[in-house]
């Protein structure tokens, strides 16, 4: 059994955490603004963005969005009524329904991604090598978090 960490983070770690918080806050603010320009809520835009990558079952969407499957059903209903998403049977298991972006939904998701100033301005100031390094470091952080979730409570 792992023992909980009792040492306080150092000043550099605290500064990095604050900077990550600022980046996340700016990302969410701009994402909400971009979503509103398409008459979408932030949750609808995030779900549509996920569906633009691949069709997903409701449970997996709920897990990725960290919400209840019933919430996902309502969001998909609203996207479906606007012609941005559709439900279809899973070819691997016809009992399971997949949510998928329509052609229009993929177009809107692409427009959302392209409209984020966040991605253009600060990242444009970094060299390709710096962006690759940043990407690799962020992947490592995400992978550590994912590994901890996969292992469950101890």
C-alpha atoms as a PDB file:
ATOM      1  CA  UNK A   1       0.000   0.000   0.000  1.00  0.00           C
ATOM      2  CA  UNK A   2       1.400   3.382  -0.968  1.00  0.00           C
ATOM      3  CA  UNK A   3       1.843   5.961   1.739  1.00  0.00           C
ATOM      4  CA  UNK A   4       0.350   9.393   1.127  1.00  0.00           C
ATOM      5  CA  UNK A   5       2.810  12.158   0.331  1.00  0.00           C
ATOM      6  CA  UNK A   6       3.131  14.579   3.208  1.00  0.00           C
ATOM      7  CA  UNK A   7       5.818  16.862   1.830  1.00  0.00           C
ATOM      8  CA  UNK A   8       4.744  20.232   0.556  1.00  0.00           C
ATOM      9  CA  UNK A   9       5.350  21.049  -3.105  1.00  0.00           C
ATOM     10  CA  UNK A  10       8.338  23.274  -3.779  1.00  0.00           C
ATOM     11  CA  UNK A  11       7.977  26.820  -5.125  1.00  0.00           C
ATOM     12  CA  UNK A  12       8.722  25.780  -8.725  1.00  0.00           C
ATOM     13  CA  UNK A  13       6.027  23.082  -8.641  1.00  0.00           C
ATOM     14  CA  UNK A  14       3.519  25.582  -7.249  1.00  0.00           C
ATOM     15  CA  UNK A  15       4.404  28.081  -9.976  1.00  0.00           C
ATOM     16  CA  UNK A  16       3.974  25.407 -12.686  1.00  0.00           C
ATOM     17  CA  UNK A  17       0.605  24.399 -11.211  1.00  0.00           C
ATOM     18  CA  UNK A  18      -0.519  28.047 -11.230  1.00  0.00           C
ATOM     19  CA  UNK A  19       0.605  28.455 -14.845  1.00  0.00           C
ATOM     20  CA  UNK A  20      -1.230  25.277 -15.887  1.00  0.00           C
ATOM     21  CA  UNK A  21      -4.323  26.653 -14.143  1.00  0.00           C
ATOM     22  CA  UNK A  22      -4.023  29.915 -16.093  1.00  0.00           C
ATOM     23  CA  UNK A  23      -3.647  28.041 -19.390  1.00  0.00           C
ATOM     24  CA  UNK A  24      -6.660  25.846 -18.610  1.00  0.00           C
ATOM     25  CA  UNK A  25      -8.780  28.863 -17.613  1.00  0.00           C
ATOM     26  CA  UNK A  26      -7.883  30.689 -20.834  1.00  0.00           C
ATOM     27  CA  UNK A  27      -8.610  27.588 -22.906  1.00  0.00           C
ATOM     28  CA  UNK A  28     -12.050  27.124 -21.304  1.00  0.00           C
ATOM     29  CA  UNK A  29     -12.930  30.799 -21.674  1.00  0.00           C
ATOM     30  CA  UNK A  30     -12.065  30.835 -25.376  1.00  0.00           C
ATOM     31  CA  UNK A  31     -13.705  27.455 -25.952  1.00  0.00           C
ATOM     32  CA  UNK A  32     -16.964  28.712 -24.386  1.00  0.00           C
ATOM     33  CA  UNK A  33     -16.811  31.838 -26.586  1.00  0.00           C
ATOM     34  CA  UNK A  34     -16.182  29.761 -29.718  1.00  0.00           C
ATOM     35  CA  UNK A  35     -19.039  27.408 -28.775  1.00  0.00           C
ATOM     36  CA  UNK A  36     -21.412  30.349 -28.251  1.00  0.00           C
ATOM     37  CA  UNK A  37     -20.594  31.633 -31.764  1.00  0.00           C
ATOM     38  CA  UNK A  38     -22.074  28.344 -33.029  1.00  0.00           C
ATOM     39  CA  UNK A  39     -25.013  28.552 -30.580  1.00  0.00           C
ATOM     40  CA  UNK A  40     -23.588  25.606 -28.606  1.00  0.00           C
ATOM     41  CA  UNK A  41     -22.920  25.160 -24.920  1.00  0.00           C
ATOM     42  CA  UNK A  42     -19.405  24.254 -23.869  1.00  0.00           C
ATOM     43  CA  UNK A  43     -20.532  20.684 -23.111  1.00  0.00           C
ATOM     44  CA  UNK A  44     -22.161  20.339 -26.544  1.00  0.00           C
ATOM     45  CA  UNK A  45     -19.011  21.648 -28.219  1.00  0.00           C
ATOM     46  CA  UNK A  46     -16.731  19.279 -26.264  1.00  0.00           C
ATOM     47  CA  UNK A  47     -18.942  16.293 -27.071  1.00  0.00           C
ATOM     48  CA  UNK A  48     -19.113  17.268 -30.749  1.00  0.00           C
ATOM     49  CA  UNK A  49     -15.340  17.629 -30.787  1.00  0.00           C
ATOM     50  CA  UNK A  50     -14.946  14.089 -29.425  1.00  0.00           C
ATOM     51  CA  UNK A  51     -17.444  12.713 -31.936  1.00  0.00           C
ATOM     52  CA  UNK A  52     -15.636  14.428 -34.815  1.00  0.00           C
ATOM     53  CA  UNK A  53     -12.673  12.137 -34.106  1.00  0.00           C
ATOM     54  CA  UNK A  54     -14.643   8.875 -33.960  1.00  0.00           C
ATOM     55  CA  UNK A  55     -18.115   7.512 -33.165  1.00  0.00           C
ATOM     56  CA  UNK A  56     -18.368   6.574 -29.486  1.00  0.00           C
ATOM     57  CA  UNK A  57     -20.847   4.759 -27.238  1.00  0.00           C
ATOM     58  CA  UNK A  58     -22.670   6.891 -24.676  1.00  0.00           C
ATOM     59  CA  UNK A  59     -20.873   5.326 -21.698  1.00  0.00           C
ATOM     60  CA  UNK A  60     -17.466   6.115 -23.162  1.00  0.00           C
ATOM     61  CA  UNK A  61     -18.563   9.692 -23.891  1.00  0.00           C
ATOM     62  CA  UNK A  62     -19.776  10.042 -20.308  1.00  0.00           C
ATOM     63  CA  UNK A  63     -16.441   8.754 -19.020  1.00  0.00           C
ATOM     64  CA  UNK A  64     -14.458  11.152 -21.236  1.00  0.00           C
ATOM     65  CA  UNK A  65     -16.661  14.099 -20.231  1.00  0.00           C
ATOM     66  CA  UNK A  66     -16.716  12.980 -16.576  1.00  0.00           C
ATOM     67  CA  UNK A  67     -20.499  13.077 -16.326  1.00  0.00           C
ATOM     68  CA  UNK A  68     -23.475  10.728 -16.097  1.00  0.00           C
ATOM     69  CA  UNK A  69     -24.623   8.832 -19.217  1.00  0.00           C
ATOM     70  CA  UNK A  70     -28.071  10.424 -18.858  1.00  0.00           C
ATOM     71  CA  UNK A  71     -26.452  13.869 -19.316  1.00  0.00           C
ATOM     72  CA  UNK A  72     -24.753  12.648 -22.482  1.00  0.00           C
ATOM     73  CA  UNK A  73     -28.084  11.400 -23.819  1.00  0.00           C
ATOM     74  CA  UNK A  74     -29.558  14.901 -23.488  1.00  0.00           C
ATOM     75  CA  UNK A  75     -26.550  16.537 -25.131  1.00  0.00           C
ATOM     76  CA  UNK A  76     -26.626  14.068 -28.039  1.00  0.00           C
ATOM     77  CA  UNK A  77     -30.396  14.649 -28.376  1.00  0.00           C
ATOM     78  CA  UNK A  78     -29.803  18.401 -28.777  1.00  0.00           C
ATOM     79  CA  UNK A  79     -26.938  17.911 -31.250  1.00  0.00           C
ATOM     80  CA  UNK A  80     -29.052  15.402 -33.179  1.00  0.00           C
ATOM     81  CA  UNK A  81     -31.974  17.847 -33.408  1.00  0.00           C
ATOM     82  CA  UNK A  82     -29.602  20.347 -35.060  1.00  0.00           C
ATOM     83  CA  UNK A  83     -28.248  17.787 -37.521  1.00  0.00           C
ATOM     84  CA  UNK A  84     -24.773  17.791 -35.944  1.00  0.00           C
ATOM     85  CA  UNK A  85     -24.819  14.242 -34.556  1.00  0.00           C
ATOM     86  CA  UNK A  86     -26.614  10.966 -35.115  1.00  0.00           C
ATOM     87  CA  UNK A  87     -27.051   7.643 -33.372  1.00  0.00           C
ATOM     88  CA  UNK A  88     -26.148   4.442 -35.183  1.00  0.00           C
ATOM     89  CA  UNK A  89     -25.753   0.785 -34.229  1.00  0.00           C
ATOM     90  CA  UNK A  90     -22.265  -0.367 -33.244  1.00  0.00           C
ATOM     91  CA  UNK A  91     -21.072  -2.751 -35.993  1.00  0.00           C
ATOM     92  CA  UNK A  92     -19.304  -4.847 -33.331  1.00  0.00           C
ATOM     93  CA  UNK A  93     -22.401  -5.124 -31.098  1.00  0.00           C
ATOM     94  CA  UNK A  94     -25.754  -4.141 -32.612  1.00  0.00           C
ATOM     95  CA  UNK A  95     -27.263  -3.785 -29.108  1.00  0.00           C
ATOM     96  CA  UNK A  96     -24.993  -0.770 -28.490  1.00  0.00           C
ATOM     97  CA  UNK A  97     -25.728   2.622 -30.015  1.00  0.00           C
ATOM     98  CA  UNK A  98     -22.871   4.856 -31.087  1.00  0.00           C
ATOM     99  CA  UNK A  99     -23.096   8.623 -31.248  1.00  0.00           C
ATOM    100  CA  UNK A 100     -21.367  10.015 -34.328  1.00  0.00           C
ATOM    101  CA  UNK A 101     -20.826  13.458 -35.809  1.00  0.00           C
ATOM    102  CA  UNK A 102     -22.564  14.136 -39.104  1.00  0.00           C
ATOM    103  CA  UNK A 103     -20.687  15.855 -41.936  1.00  0.00           C
ATOM    104  CA  UNK A 104     -22.074  19.175 -40.677  1.00  0.00           C
ATOM    105  CA  UNK A 105     -21.050  18.278 -37.123  1.00  0.00           C
ATOM    106  CA  UNK A 106     -17.478  17.593 -38.237  1.00  0.00           C
ATOM    107  CA  UNK A 107     -17.449  20.924 -40.093  1.00  0.00           C
ATOM    108  CA  UNK A 108     -18.632  22.772 -36.965  1.00  0.00           C
ATOM    109  CA  UNK A 109     -16.086  20.933 -34.777  1.00  0.00           C
ATOM    110  CA  UNK A 110     -13.285  21.877 -37.193  1.00  0.00           C
ATOM    111  CA  UNK A 111     -14.479  25.486 -37.183  1.00  0.00           C
ATOM    112  CA  UNK A 112     -14.458  25.476 -33.373  1.00  0.00           C
ATOM    113  CA  UNK A 113     -10.869  24.217 -33.260  1.00  0.00           C
ATOM    114  CA  UNK A 114      -9.724  26.714 -35.884  1.00  0.00           C
ATOM    115  CA  UNK A 115     -11.376  29.675 -34.154  1.00  0.00           C
ATOM    116  CA  UNK A 116      -9.454  29.281 -30.897  1.00  0.00           C
ATOM    117  CA  UNK A 117      -6.979  32.155 -30.668  1.00  0.00           C
ATOM    118  CA  UNK A 118      -5.455  30.226 -27.793  1.00  0.00           C
ATOM    119  CA  UNK A 119      -3.938  27.710 -30.180  1.00  0.00           C
ATOM    120  CA  UNK A 120      -2.683  30.310 -32.636  1.00  0.00           C
ATOM    121  CA  UNK A 121      -1.200  33.099 -30.532  1.00  0.00           C
ATOM    122  CA  UNK A 122       0.836  31.705 -27.620  1.00  0.00           C
ATOM    123  CA  UNK A 123       1.830  28.495 -29.378  1.00  0.00           C
ATOM    124  CA  UNK A 124       2.845  30.376 -32.525  1.00  0.00           C
ATOM    125  CA  UNK A 125       5.553  32.053 -30.462  1.00  0.00           C
ATOM    126  CA  UNK A 126       7.169  28.694 -29.783  1.00  0.00           C
ATOM    127  CA  UNK A 127       9.453  26.929 -32.204  1.00  0.00           C
ATOM    128  CA  UNK A 128       8.428  23.541 -33.571  1.00  0.00           C
ATOM    129  CA  UNK A 129      10.991  21.917 -31.271  1.00  0.00           C
ATOM    130  CA  UNK A 130       9.511  23.736 -28.249  1.00  0.00           C
ATOM    131  CA  UNK A 131       5.976  22.697 -29.242  1.00  0.00           C
ATOM    132  CA  UNK A 132       7.123  19.077 -29.610  1.00  0.00           C
ATOM    133  CA  UNK A 133       8.783  19.214 -26.181  1.00  0.00           C
ATOM    134  CA  UNK A 134       5.663  20.756 -24.643  1.00  0.00           C
ATOM    135  CA  UNK A 135       3.469  18.117 -26.281  1.00  0.00           C
ATOM    136  CA  UNK A 136       5.683  15.293 -25.033  1.00  0.00           C
ATOM    137  CA  UNK A 137       5.754  16.671 -21.480  1.00  0.00           C
ATOM    138  CA  UNK A 138       1.970  17.111 -21.433  1.00  0.00           C
ATOM    139  CA  UNK A 139       1.510  13.568 -22.752  1.00  0.00           C
ATOM    140  CA  UNK A 140       3.692  12.274 -19.922  1.00  0.00           C
ATOM    141  CA  UNK A 141       1.575  14.159 -17.387  1.00  0.00           C
ATOM    142  CA  UNK A 142      -1.650  12.817 -18.911  1.00  0.00           C
ATOM    143  CA  UNK A 143      -0.259   9.273 -19.088  1.00  0.00           C
ATOM    144  CA  UNK A 144       0.669   9.361 -15.392  1.00  0.00           C
ATOM    145  CA  UNK A 145      -2.873  10.511 -14.551  1.00  0.00           C
ATOM    146  CA  UNK A 146      -4.385   7.835 -16.816  1.00  0.00           C
ATOM    147  CA  UNK A 147      -2.218   5.138 -15.229  1.00  0.00           C
ATOM    148  CA  UNK A 148      -3.388   6.169 -11.749  1.00  0.00           C
ATOM    149  CA  UNK A 149      -7.058   6.041 -12.874  1.00  0.00           C
ATOM    150  CA  UNK A 150      -6.559   2.618 -14.452  1.00  0.00           C
ATOM    151  CA  UNK A 151      -5.177   1.238 -11.201  1.00  0.00           C
ATOM    152  CA  UNK A 152      -8.191   2.466  -9.222  1.00  0.00           C
ATOM    153  CA  UNK A 153      -8.235   3.072  -5.462  1.00  0.00           C
ATOM    154  CA  UNK A 154      -5.662   1.312  -3.366  1.00  0.00           C
END
